[in-house]
């Protein structure tokens, strides 16, 4: 295994990795401090750089059970491919600046004679990241089926088995400025069947000369040239052509799959930005509207689940008066029952057998999705997603994406449950919060007393206490203040 050496010293990438493992915790702390000290960074920039730094340290210091891909380039390539959705040159620059400052802060107190040699390694890493990221961006924007890195690697790995010295992929070959990507190896490496390595982009005149002596094949809309043609036997040519027919089908499917995964990551990334931008449960209505846009539905409605009474109640959504009139018991509704058990989204092509007729008519429902919002094993409520009367289809991938979205919303909601209202000068007891919740759900004193095992007189005392704390004149104002202050959703 070749090591990545430095012009400044004799340290290797393995030594650098060991240094990172030894000081990972302190370095991560320094990175977080430096991010906070950069006054010019927005909250979004701070969050993204902090995430990039954490994932960068993790992939460079992570355990390698199979003892493969421990060189710097493969690890950086994996990192770039994994987080290519949020990477751009702006964030890479900020990330490198923060990393250098964090390193400088760390090295001040180290007695290691090689300490600054590790600092000098950072420009090497920055240069490699920039080069690999540039190659990755070019590849995914110019090569049809080959925007899939896994497909490209699979094809090259297969062709390396043959006596091929150079391989070229050409896009837009019929135009005056074709896009050319090349890989090659020496004569000796060709005999030994060693892996191909990327070549610098060849100009048209050089490429035309090579193309005349190459085997020309087609994969999708991409032309493939294998040089030299004379090194391949007829049987080998036939074998490669047969493989390419099967590979083209695979590459098309793989490209579509990766496009789906890319879209999923984009949605989740945008959702994270939405969640980060809001400060509490009183902003929940904006999050629900955000879900409509991100998931491409015309309507999203949130229903709160009340576990102690096994009831649900409409809380947020278009035509709020209709939404808040929609309430009932979970049991014996089979749909809600099964959803609470599985904690998985359910797609309903035709709701006639699982949703009350009056609800279908009230909301003009056709197809819909019901997805629980959970915090681990606890169900906080659910959302319904539909196209306002229009029938639609839903794939398993769609449901998996919606499940991930709802899980993140559940985590967001639960985080604010632990600190109900940090900006208020008062605190509600658990019992007062229970009474406030039941009051918002429309229960009278007698029913609240039954649920909480308290007398009606005690319930009146709690309501009086709530009116005093919330500066409300009546029960309606108590509920209104509860929603306004984020005590209720």
Protein backbone atom coordinates (compact mmCIF):
# COMPACT_ATOMS: atom_id res chain seq x y z
CA UNK A 1 0.00 0.00 0.00
CA UNK A 2 1.43 3.35 -0.98
CA UNK A 3 1.33 6.14 1.57
CA UNK A 4 0.61 9.77 0.90
CA UNK A 5 3.85 11.52 1.88
CA UNK A 6 4.42 15.23 2.38
CA UNK A 7 7.04 17.53 0.93
CA UNK A 8 7.50 19.00 4.41
CA UNK A 9 8.21 15.82 6.37
CA UNK A 10 8.16 12.07 6.25
CA UNK A 11 4.80 11.54 7.95
CA UNK A 12 2.35 9.26 6.16
CA UNK A 13 -1.41 9.22 5.98
CA UNK A 14 -1.45 6.35 8.51
CA UNK A 15 0.46 8.54 10.98
CA UNK A 16 -1.97 11.38 10.32
CA UNK A 17 -4.91 9.03 11.00
CA UNK A 18 -3.37 7.93 14.30
CA UNK A 19 -2.90 11.59 15.27
CA UNK A 20 -6.57 12.31 14.48
CA UNK A 21 -7.75 9.33 16.55
CA UNK A 22 -5.69 10.47 19.53
CA UNK A 23 -7.01 14.04 19.44
CA UNK A 24 -10.41 13.58 17.80
CA UNK A 25 -12.50 14.74 20.77
CA UNK A 26 -10.42 17.86 21.44
CA UNK A 27 -10.29 18.68 17.72
CA UNK A 28 -14.06 18.38 17.40
CA UNK A 29 -14.49 20.74 20.35
CA UNK A 30 -12.08 23.24 18.78
CA UNK A 31 -13.99 23.05 15.48
CA UNK A 32 -17.28 23.80 17.24
CA UNK A 33 -15.69 26.73 19.08
CA UNK A 34 -14.20 28.16 15.89
CA UNK A 35 -17.55 27.88 14.12
CA UNK A 36 -19.22 29.90 16.88
CA UNK A 37 -16.44 32.51 16.77
CA UNK A 38 -17.01 33.17 13.05
CA UNK A 39 -19.50 36.03 13.32
CA UNK A 40 -20.04 36.17 9.55
CA UNK A 41 -21.47 32.63 9.40
CA UNK A 42 -25.24 32.17 9.27
CA UNK A 43 -26.93 29.53 11.42
CA UNK A 44 -27.35 27.36 8.34
CA UNK A 45 -23.66 27.66 7.47
CA UNK A 46 -22.69 26.86 11.06
CA UNK A 47 -24.87 23.73 11.07
CA UNK A 48 -23.60 22.47 7.71
CA UNK A 49 -19.91 23.06 8.49
CA UNK A 50 -20.28 21.41 11.90
CA UNK A 51 -21.89 18.40 10.24
CA UNK A 52 -19.23 18.21 7.51
CA UNK A 53 -16.43 18.40 10.07
CA UNK A 54 -17.95 15.69 12.23
CA UNK A 55 -18.51 13.33 9.28
CA UNK A 56 -15.01 14.09 7.94
CA UNK A 57 -13.34 13.11 11.22
CA UNK A 58 -15.55 10.05 11.51
CA UNK A 59 -14.69 8.65 8.08
CA UNK A 60 -10.95 9.30 8.48
CA UNK A 61 -10.76 7.76 11.94
CA UNK A 62 -13.44 5.06 11.65
CA UNK A 63 -12.69 1.40 12.17
CA UNK A 64 -11.77 -0.56 9.05
CA UNK A 65 -12.72 -4.18 9.77
CA UNK A 66 -11.76 -5.48 6.34
CA UNK A 67 -8.42 -3.65 6.10
CA UNK A 68 -9.28 -2.23 2.69
CA UNK A 69 -9.56 1.28 1.28
CA UNK A 70 -7.40 2.80 4.00
CA UNK A 71 -5.59 5.19 1.64
CA UNK A 72 -6.53 8.84 1.68
CA UNK A 73 -8.07 9.15 -1.80
CA UNK A 74 -10.64 6.33 -1.44
CA UNK A 75 -11.77 7.64 1.95
CA UNK A 76 -12.14 11.19 0.68
CA UNK A 77 -14.00 9.90 -2.38
CA UNK A 78 -16.46 8.04 -0.15
CA UNK A 79 -16.95 11.18 1.96
CA UNK A 80 -17.56 13.36 -1.11
CA UNK A 81 -20.00 10.91 -2.68
CA UNK A 82 -21.92 10.44 0.57
CA UNK A 83 -22.37 14.16 1.23
CA UNK A 84 -22.28 15.48 -2.35
CA UNK A 85 -25.81 16.91 -1.86
CA UNK A 86 -24.67 19.53 0.64
CA UNK A 87 -21.12 20.03 -0.62
CA UNK A 88 -20.20 22.97 -2.79
CA UNK A 89 -17.04 25.05 -3.19
CA UNK A 90 -18.31 27.69 -0.78
CA UNK A 91 -18.82 25.19 2.06
CA UNK A 92 -15.57 23.39 1.27
CA UNK A 93 -13.67 26.65 1.61
CA UNK A 94 -15.33 27.49 4.93
CA UNK A 95 -14.77 23.94 6.16
CA UNK A 96 -11.05 24.11 5.36
CA UNK A 97 -10.63 27.51 7.07
CA UNK A 98 -12.35 26.27 10.23
CA UNK A 99 -10.33 23.04 10.20
CA UNK A 100 -7.03 24.93 9.97
CA UNK A 101 -7.97 27.23 12.86
CA UNK A 102 -9.05 24.24 14.98
CA UNK A 103 -5.74 22.49 14.23
CA UNK A 104 -3.74 25.61 15.11
CA UNK A 105 -5.56 25.90 18.43
CA UNK A 106 -4.90 22.24 19.16
CA UNK A 107 -1.19 22.31 18.30
CA UNK A 108 -0.38 25.27 20.56
CA UNK A 109 -0.44 23.04 23.64
CA UNK A 110 1.16 19.93 22.14
CA UNK A 111 4.77 19.01 22.87
CA UNK A 112 4.97 16.59 19.92
CA UNK A 113 7.95 17.51 17.72
CA UNK A 114 5.94 16.50 14.64
CA UNK A 115 2.92 18.56 15.61
CA UNK A 116 3.22 21.13 12.84
CA UNK A 117 3.91 18.44 10.26
CA UNK A 118 0.30 17.36 10.83
CA UNK A 119 -0.76 20.96 10.24
CA UNK A 120 1.12 20.96 6.94
CA UNK A 121 -0.88 17.91 5.87
CA UNK A 122 -4.09 19.95 5.70
CA UNK A 123 -3.27 21.74 2.40
CA UNK A 124 -2.63 18.33 0.85
CA UNK A 125 -6.05 17.16 2.01
CA UNK A 126 -7.72 20.38 0.80
CA UNK A 127 -6.12 20.00 -2.62
CA UNK A 128 -7.20 16.37 -2.91
CA UNK A 129 -10.76 17.17 -1.82
CA UNK A 130 -11.01 19.99 -4.36
CA UNK A 131 -9.70 17.78 -7.17
CA UNK A 132 -11.88 14.78 -6.29
CA UNK A 133 -14.95 16.96 -5.81
CA UNK A 134 -14.37 18.66 -9.18
CA UNK A 135 -14.07 15.27 -10.90
CA UNK A 136 -17.20 14.03 -9.18
CA UNK A 137 -19.23 17.11 -10.16
CA UNK A 138 -18.06 16.85 -13.78
CA UNK A 139 -18.89 13.17 -13.95
CA UNK A 140 -22.44 13.45 -12.61
CA UNK A 141 -23.28 16.35 -14.91
CA UNK A 142 -21.84 15.12 -18.20
CA UNK A 143 -22.08 11.34 -18.43
CA UNK A 144 -25.51 9.88 -19.02
CA UNK A 145 -25.67 6.50 -17.24
CA UNK A 146 -22.17 7.04 -15.91
CA UNK A 147 -23.23 9.72 -13.46
CA UNK A 148 -23.60 6.68 -11.23
CA UNK A 149 -20.17 6.17 -9.69
CA UNK A 150 -20.96 2.57 -8.74
CA UNK A 151 -21.93 1.77 -12.36
CA UNK A 152 -18.77 3.36 -13.67
CA UNK A 153 -16.58 1.45 -11.20
CA UNK A 154 -18.29 -1.82 -12.07
CA UNK A 155 -17.66 -1.34 -15.81
CA UNK A 156 -14.01 -0.38 -15.33
CA UNK A 157 -13.42 -3.33 -12.97
CA UNK A 158 -14.71 -5.70 -15.63
CA UNK A 159 -12.72 -4.18 -18.50
CA UNK A 160 -9.52 -4.28 -16.42
CA UNK A 161 -9.58 -8.07 -16.86
CA UNK A 162 -8.79 -7.68 -20.58
CA UNK A 163 -5.53 -6.55 -22.27
CA UNK A 164 -6.79 -2.98 -22.61
CA UNK A 165 -4.32 -0.14 -22.12
CA UNK A 166 -6.67 2.82 -22.30
CA UNK A 167 -10.45 3.37 -22.07
CA UNK A 168 -12.32 6.48 -23.14
CA UNK A 169 -15.95 7.45 -22.50
CA UNK A 170 -17.28 10.07 -24.90
CA UNK A 171 -20.48 12.07 -24.49
CA UNK A 172 -21.92 14.26 -27.28
CA UNK A 173 -19.58 12.61 -29.79
CA UNK A 174 -21.47 13.99 -32.76
CA UNK A 175 -20.97 17.58 -31.62
CA UNK A 176 -17.92 19.79 -32.09
CA UNK A 177 -16.98 19.73 -28.39
CA UNK A 178 -17.42 16.19 -27.06
CA UNK A 179 -16.87 15.49 -23.37
CA UNK A 180 -14.10 12.89 -22.97
CA UNK A 181 -13.14 10.92 -19.86
CA UNK A 182 -10.20 8.55 -19.96
CA UNK A 183 -8.50 5.88 -17.85
CA UNK A 184 -5.21 4.16 -18.58
CA UNK A 185 -2.25 2.09 -17.40
CA UNK A 186 1.24 1.19 -18.62
CA UNK A 187 2.11 -1.82 -20.79
CA UNK A 188 3.44 -3.68 -17.74
CA UNK A 189 0.35 -2.81 -15.69
CA UNK A 190 -1.83 -4.03 -18.58
CA UNK A 191 -0.07 -7.40 -18.51
CA UNK A 192 -0.50 -7.59 -14.72
CA UNK A 193 -4.16 -6.48 -15.00
CA UNK A 194 -3.67 -3.72 -12.42
CA UNK A 195 -6.47 -1.14 -11.93
CA UNK A 196 -6.86 1.69 -14.42
CA UNK A 197 -6.24 5.25 -13.23
CA UNK A 198 -7.81 8.49 -14.52
CA UNK A 199 -6.09 10.27 -17.43
CA UNK A 200 -6.07 13.98 -18.12
CA UNK A 201 -8.72 15.06 -20.63
CA UNK A 202 -7.41 14.42 -24.14
CA UNK A 203 -7.85 17.07 -26.86
CA UNK A 204 -9.77 16.20 -30.02
CA UNK A 205 -6.73 15.71 -32.28
CA UNK A 206 -5.04 13.29 -29.87
CA UNK A 207 -8.27 11.45 -29.25
CA UNK A 208 -9.07 11.05 -32.96
CA UNK A 209 -5.69 9.39 -33.49
CA UNK A 210 -6.34 6.97 -30.62
CA UNK A 211 -9.94 6.34 -31.75
CA UNK A 212 -8.73 5.07 -35.15
CA UNK A 213 -6.97 2.20 -33.42
CA UNK A 214 -9.63 1.50 -30.80
CA UNK A 215 -12.61 -0.82 -30.55
CA UNK A 216 -15.69 1.44 -30.62
CA UNK A 217 -18.75 0.33 -28.63
CA UNK A 218 -21.93 1.99 -27.36
CA UNK A 219 -23.41 2.08 -23.86
CA UNK A 220 -26.71 3.99 -23.80
CA UNK A 221 -25.88 7.36 -25.36
CA UNK A 222 -22.21 7.14 -24.44
CA UNK A 223 -19.49 5.94 -26.84
CA UNK A 224 -16.86 3.63 -25.40
CA UNK A 225 -13.38 3.28 -26.95
CA UNK A 226 -11.01 0.44 -25.99
CA UNK A 227 -7.36 0.95 -26.97
CA UNK A 228 -5.59 -0.82 -28.58
CA UNK A 229 -8.07 -2.78 -30.62
CA UNK A 230 -5.36 -5.16 -31.87
CA UNK A 231 -4.80 -6.55 -28.37
CA UNK A 232 -8.32 -8.02 -28.24
CA UNK A 233 -9.24 -11.35 -29.79
CA UNK A 234 -12.58 -11.76 -31.59
CA UNK A 235 -13.90 -13.95 -28.80
CA UNK A 236 -12.97 -11.28 -26.24
CA UNK A 237 -14.70 -8.59 -28.31
CA UNK A 238 -17.87 -10.69 -28.42
CA UNK A 239 -17.67 -11.29 -24.66
CA UNK A 240 -17.34 -7.56 -23.95
CA UNK A 241 -20.20 -6.64 -26.29
CA UNK A 242 -22.45 -9.22 -24.66
CA UNK A 243 -21.53 -7.86 -21.23
CA UNK A 244 -22.28 -4.27 -22.30
CA UNK A 245 -25.80 -5.22 -23.39
CA UNK A 246 -26.53 -6.51 -19.89
CA UNK A 247 -24.61 -3.66 -18.28
CA UNK A 248 -26.64 -1.01 -20.11
CA UNK A 249 -29.85 -2.38 -18.57
CA UNK A 250 -28.22 -2.44 -15.15
CA UNK A 251 -26.81 1.09 -15.51
CA UNK A 252 -30.21 2.47 -16.52
CA UNK A 253 -31.86 0.89 -13.48
CA UNK A 254 -29.03 1.94 -11.18
CA UNK A 255 -29.14 5.52 -12.45
CA UNK A 256 -32.88 5.67 -11.75
CA UNK A 257 -32.37 4.20 -8.27
CA UNK A 258 -29.65 6.70 -7.43
CA UNK A 259 -31.83 9.51 -8.76
CA UNK A 260 -34.55 8.37 -6.34
CA UNK A 261 -32.07 8.24 -3.46
CA UNK A 262 -30.72 11.65 -4.41
CA UNK A 263 -34.22 13.11 -4.36
CA UNK A 264 -34.81 11.54 -0.94
CA UNK A 265 -31.65 13.08 0.48
CA UNK A 266 -32.57 16.46 -1.00
CA UNK A 267 -36.00 16.36 0.65
CA UNK A 268 -34.53 15.38 4.03
CA UNK A 269 -31.86 18.06 3.71
CA UNK A 270 -34.51 20.71 2.98
CA UNK A 271 -36.59 19.41 5.91
CA UNK A 272 -33.59 19.78 8.22
CA UNK A 273 -33.28 23.42 7.11
CA UNK A 274 -36.99 23.95 7.87
CA UNK A 275 -36.68 22.39 11.34
CA UNK A 276 -33.50 24.33 12.16
CA UNK A 277 -35.13 27.64 11.17
CA UNK A 278 -38.01 27.34 13.65
CA UNK A 279 -37.73 27.76 17.38
CA UNK A 280 -40.57 25.81 18.94
CA UNK A 281 -43.89 24.04 18.74
CA UNK A 282 -45.69 27.31 18.04
CA UNK A 283 -43.99 27.20 14.62
CA UNK A 284 -45.39 23.73 13.92
CA UNK A 285 -47.96 25.01 11.44
CA UNK A 286 -45.11 26.26 9.24
CA UNK A 287 -43.48 22.83 9.37
CA UNK A 288 -46.71 21.15 8.26
CA UNK A 289 -46.96 23.59 5.35
CA UNK A 290 -43.34 22.83 4.54
CA UNK A 291 -44.17 19.12 4.35
CA UNK A 292 -46.84 19.83 1.75
CA UNK A 293 -44.28 21.53 -0.48
CA UNK A 294 -41.39 19.11 0.09
CA UNK A 295 -43.47 15.98 -0.45
CA UNK A 296 -45.56 17.49 -3.30
CA UNK A 297 -48.99 17.11 -1.73
CA UNK A 298 -51.79 19.66 -1.90
CA UNK A 299 -52.91 19.07 1.69
CA UNK A 300 -51.23 17.99 4.91
CA UNK A 301 -53.23 17.74 8.16
CA UNK A 302 -51.85 16.98 11.62
CA UNK A 303 -53.89 15.05 14.20
CA UNK A 304 -52.81 14.89 17.84
CA UNK A 305 -53.04 11.53 19.62
CA UNK A 306 -54.21 11.51 23.25
CA UNK A 307 -52.98 8.19 24.67
CA UNK A 308 -54.75 8.24 28.03
CA UNK A 309 -58.16 8.45 26.36
CA UNK A 310 -57.25 6.72 23.05
CA UNK A 311 -58.60 9.72 21.16
CA UNK A 312 -57.38 11.82 18.26
CA UNK A 313 -58.10 15.44 17.41
CA UNK A 314 -57.46 17.52 14.28
CA UNK A 315 -55.04 20.36 15.06
CA UNK A 316 -53.39 21.91 11.98
CA UNK A 317 -54.25 22.02 8.28
CA UNK A 318 -56.11 23.81 5.53
CA UNK A 319 -59.71 24.81 6.40
CA UNK A 320 -58.85 24.83 10.10
CA UNK A 321 -62.48 24.85 11.28
CA UNK A 322 -63.08 21.53 9.51
CA UNK A 323 -59.80 20.08 10.79
CA UNK A 324 -60.50 20.93 14.43
CA UNK A 325 -64.00 19.46 14.22
CA UNK A 326 -62.49 16.12 13.22
CA UNK A 327 -61.95 14.01 16.32
CA UNK A 328 -62.84 10.62 17.65
CA UNK A 329 -61.60 7.41 19.21
CA UNK A 330 -58.80 5.33 17.76
CA UNK A 331 -60.56 2.09 18.51
CA UNK A 332 -62.24 0.19 16.93
CA UNK A 333 -60.92 1.82 13.72
CA UNK A 334 -58.72 -0.88 12.22
CA UNK A 335 -56.61 1.59 10.21
CA UNK A 336 -55.56 3.65 13.24
CA UNK A 337 -55.14 0.55 15.37
CA UNK A 338 -52.73 -1.11 12.93
CA UNK A 339 -50.84 2.15 12.41
CA UNK A 340 -50.26 2.56 16.15
CA UNK A 341 -48.89 -0.99 16.32
CA UNK A 342 -46.61 -0.86 13.27
CA UNK A 343 -45.73 2.86 13.50
CA UNK A 344 -45.49 2.82 9.70
CA UNK A 345 -47.20 5.03 7.08
CA UNK A 346 -50.24 3.54 5.34
CA UNK A 347 -51.30 4.25 1.74
CA UNK A 348 -55.04 4.10 1.11
CA UNK A 349 -55.99 4.00 -2.55
CA UNK A 350 -59.70 4.18 -1.79
CA UNK A 351 -60.68 5.27 1.77
CA UNK A 352 -64.31 4.14 1.59
CA UNK A 353 -63.68 1.07 3.77
CA UNK A 354 -61.30 2.63 6.33
CA UNK A 355 -62.41 6.25 6.82
CA UNK A 356 -65.80 7.52 7.96
CA UNK A 357 -68.04 8.58 5.11
CA UNK A 358 -68.68 11.99 6.65
CA UNK A 359 -64.90 12.61 6.87
CA UNK A 360 -64.48 11.60 3.21
CA UNK A 361 -67.23 14.00 2.18
CA UNK A 362 -66.04 16.80 4.48
CA UNK A 363 -62.52 16.80 3.01
CA UNK A 364 -63.35 15.46 -0.49
CA UNK A 365 -60.95 12.58 0.09
CA UNK A 366 -59.89 10.16 -2.58
CA UNK A 367 -56.48 8.50 -2.16
CA UNK A 368 -54.53 9.46 0.97
CA UNK A 369 -51.54 8.55 3.11
CA UNK A 370 -51.72 8.33 6.91
CA UNK A 371 -48.29 8.56 8.57
CA UNK A 372 -47.61 8.43 12.33
CA UNK A 373 -45.33 10.97 13.98
CA UNK A 374 -43.34 9.07 16.56
CA UNK A 375 -40.61 9.58 19.09
CA UNK A 376 -39.09 6.11 19.38
CA UNK A 377 -41.98 3.97 20.72
CA UNK A 378 -44.25 6.90 21.56
CA UNK A 379 -46.86 8.00 19.01
CA UNK A 380 -47.40 11.77 19.22
CA UNK A 381 -49.95 11.95 16.43
CA UNK A 382 -50.11 11.52 12.67
CA UNK A 383 -50.42 13.43 9.44
CA UNK A 384 -52.64 12.75 6.47
CA UNK A 385 -51.38 13.64 3.01
CA UNK A 386 -53.62 13.87 -0.06
CA UNK A 387 -54.20 15.69 -3.35
CA UNK A 388 -57.60 17.22 -2.43
CA UNK A 389 -59.97 14.84 -4.20
CA UNK A 390 -57.54 13.51 -6.80
CA UNK A 391 -56.60 9.84 -6.83
CA UNK A 392 -52.86 9.05 -6.86
CA UNK A 393 -50.44 6.15 -6.56
CA UNK A 394 -47.66 5.66 -4.05
CA UNK A 395 -44.50 3.53 -4.11
CA UNK A 396 -42.70 1.83 -1.25
CA UNK A 397 -39.87 4.36 -1.67
CA UNK A 398 -42.41 7.18 -1.21
CA UNK A 399 -43.62 5.65 2.05
CA UNK A 400 -40.07 5.19 3.33
CA UNK A 401 -39.32 8.85 2.65
CA UNK A 402 -42.51 9.98 4.42
CA UNK A 403 -41.65 7.74 7.39
CA UNK A 404 -38.21 9.36 7.69
CA UNK A 405 -39.75 12.84 7.45
CA UNK A 406 -42.27 12.06 10.21
CA UNK A 407 -39.59 10.57 12.47
CA UNK A 408 -37.57 13.79 12.22
CA UNK A 409 -40.65 15.87 12.98
CA UNK A 410 -41.31 13.64 16.01
CA UNK A 411 -37.80 14.27 17.28
CA UNK A 412 -38.30 18.00 16.77
CA UNK A 413 -41.58 18.03 18.71
CA UNK A 414 -40.24 15.94 21.57
CA UNK A 415 -37.19 18.15 21.99
CA UNK A 416 -39.45 21.08 22.76
CA UNK A 417 -41.60 19.06 25.15
CA UNK A 418 -38.67 19.01 27.60
CA UNK A 419 -38.61 22.80 27.71
CA UNK A 420 -42.17 23.92 27.30
CA UNK A 421 -41.60 27.66 27.20
CA UNK A 422 -38.10 28.86 27.99
CA UNK A 423 -38.96 32.52 27.42
CA UNK A 424 -41.82 32.63 29.95
CA UNK A 425 -41.43 33.76 33.55
CA UNK A 426 -43.65 30.98 34.85
CA UNK A 427 -43.73 27.21 34.85
CA UNK A 428 -46.70 24.86 34.65
CA UNK A 429 -46.85 21.75 36.77
CA UNK A 430 -47.49 18.40 35.08
CA UNK A 431 -51.05 18.42 36.45
CA UNK A 432 -51.71 21.98 35.19
CA UNK A 433 -50.40 21.02 31.76
CA UNK A 434 -52.71 17.96 31.72
CA UNK A 435 -55.71 20.13 32.63
CA UNK A 436 -54.74 22.69 29.95
CA UNK A 437 -54.49 19.94 27.33
CA UNK A 438 -57.90 18.48 28.22
CA UNK A 439 -59.39 21.96 28.34
CA UNK A 440 -58.15 22.59 24.80
CA UNK A 441 -59.73 19.31 23.72
CA UNK A 442 -63.13 20.60 24.84
CA UNK A 443 -63.77 18.51 27.96
CA UNK A 444 -65.91 19.79 30.83
CA UNK A 445 -64.81 19.73 34.48
CA UNK A 446 -66.57 16.47 35.25
CA UNK A 447 -64.96 14.57 32.36
CA UNK A 448 -61.52 16.01 33.15
CA UNK A 449 -61.95 14.89 36.76
CA UNK A 450 -62.73 11.35 35.61
CA UNK A 451 -59.65 11.20 33.38
CA UNK A 452 -57.30 12.61 36.01
CA UNK A 453 -59.02 10.99 39.05
CA UNK A 454 -59.69 14.38 40.64
CA UNK A 455 -62.82 16.06 41.97
CA UNK A 456 -64.59 18.77 39.96
CA UNK A 457 -63.70 21.23 42.72
CA UNK A 458 -59.96 20.45 42.31
CA UNK A 459 -60.27 20.81 38.53
CA UNK A 460 -61.80 24.31 39.07
CA UNK A 461 -58.84 25.21 41.26
CA UNK A 462 -56.40 24.15 38.54
CA UNK A 463 -58.27 26.20 35.95
CA UNK A 464 -58.17 29.22 38.25
CA UNK A 465 -54.42 28.74 38.67
CA UNK A 466 -54.02 28.57 34.87
CA UNK A 467 -56.05 31.76 34.43
CA UNK A 468 -53.80 33.53 36.93
CA UNK A 469 -50.53 32.30 35.39
CA UNK A 470 -51.62 32.91 31.80
CA UNK A 471 -53.31 36.24 32.63
CA UNK A 472 -56.57 34.98 31.12
CA UNK A 473 -60.11 36.07 32.01
CA UNK A 474 -61.91 32.88 31.02
CA UNK A 475 -61.41 29.30 29.82
CA UNK A 476 -61.30 30.36 26.14
CA UNK A 477 -58.49 32.83 26.80
CA UNK A 478 -56.60 30.12 28.73
CA UNK A 479 -56.64 27.85 25.67
CA UNK A 480 -55.77 30.73 23.34
CA UNK A 481 -52.78 31.69 25.50
CA UNK A 482 -51.70 28.05 25.61
CA UNK A 483 -51.47 27.87 21.81
CA UNK A 484 -49.86 31.29 21.54
CA UNK A 485 -47.12 30.45 24.03
CA UNK A 486 -46.39 27.04 22.54
CA UNK A 487 -47.82 25.13 25.50
CA UNK A 488 -50.28 23.44 23.16
CA UNK A 489 -49.94 22.22 19.59
